[in-house]
Amino acid sequence: SRPRIGRPKLLSQRDERRALRIVRRNPRVEYAELQLLARGIECSRTTLYRMLKRHGIRN
């Protein structure tokens, strides 16, 4: 297959599923707390915000 164009995704599908599970259990979780609870998701608040928005979850 051909190489992909652009920057690779920072969050894997596994990371996204883990973060979504946490947010669905506790909708009021803050971004910094989400990073800690998700055990090692190394990304910015903006990245988490965009990922949640893409899945239809808004704060």
Protein backbone atom coordinates (compact mmCIF):
# COMPACT_ATOMS: atom_id res chain seq x y z
CA SER A 1 0.00 0.00 0.00
CA ARG A 2 1.06 3.59 -0.53
CA PRO A 3 2.43 5.69 2.30
CA ARG A 4 -0.07 8.02 3.92
CA ILE A 5 0.17 11.74 3.43
CA GLY A 6 0.29 14.01 6.47
CA ARG A 7 1.11 13.69 10.08
CA PRO A 8 0.31 10.38 11.81
CA LYS A 9 -2.44 10.33 14.43
CA LEU A 10 -1.32 10.98 17.98
CA LEU A 11 -4.02 8.83 19.59
CA SER A 12 -4.43 5.20 18.64
CA GLN A 13 -7.88 3.66 18.35
CA ARG A 14 -7.24 1.95 21.67
CA ASP A 15 -6.46 5.32 23.33
CA GLU A 16 -9.63 6.82 21.87
CA ARG A 17 -11.79 3.93 23.10
CA ARG A 18 -10.26 4.17 26.57
CA ALA A 19 -10.87 7.93 26.76
CA LEU A 20 -14.43 7.58 25.46
CA ARG A 21 -15.20 4.90 28.04
CA ILE A 22 -13.98 7.19 30.84
CA VAL A 23 -15.97 10.17 29.58
CA ARG A 24 -19.16 8.13 29.21
CA ARG A 25 -18.83 6.88 32.80
CA ASN A 26 -18.09 10.36 34.15
CA PRO A 27 -19.28 13.13 31.77
CA ARG A 28 -17.92 15.90 34.01
CA VAL A 29 -14.31 14.71 33.90
CA GLU A 30 -11.80 17.46 33.07
CA TYR A 31 -9.19 17.10 30.32
CA ALA A 32 -6.23 16.96 32.72
CA GLU A 33 -7.97 14.32 34.82
CA LEU A 34 -8.88 12.38 31.67
CA GLN A 35 -5.21 12.23 30.71
CA LEU A 36 -4.36 10.77 34.12
CA LEU A 37 -7.26 8.32 34.20
CA ALA A 38 -6.51 7.09 30.69
CA ARG A 39 -3.05 6.04 31.92
CA GLY A 40 -0.53 7.64 29.66
CA ILE A 41 -2.41 9.46 26.93
CA GLU A 42 0.26 11.99 26.04
CA CYS A 43 -1.57 14.73 24.17
CA SER A 44 -2.86 18.25 24.59
CA ARG A 45 -6.27 19.33 25.79
CA THR A 46 -7.00 20.48 22.25
CA THR A 47 -6.35 17.00 20.87
CA LEU A 48 -8.69 15.47 23.46
CA TYR A 49 -11.33 18.12 22.70
CA ARG A 50 -11.16 17.42 18.96
CA MET A 51 -11.33 13.66 19.47
CA LEU A 52 -14.39 13.94 21.74
CA LYS A 53 -16.04 16.36 19.31
CA ARG A 54 -15.42 13.94 16.44
CA HIS A 55 -17.32 11.29 18.44
CA GLY A 56 -20.21 13.67 19.15
CA ILE A 57 -19.31 14.43 22.77
CA ARG A 58 -19.25 18.07 23.78
CA ASN A 59 -18.47 19.63 27.12
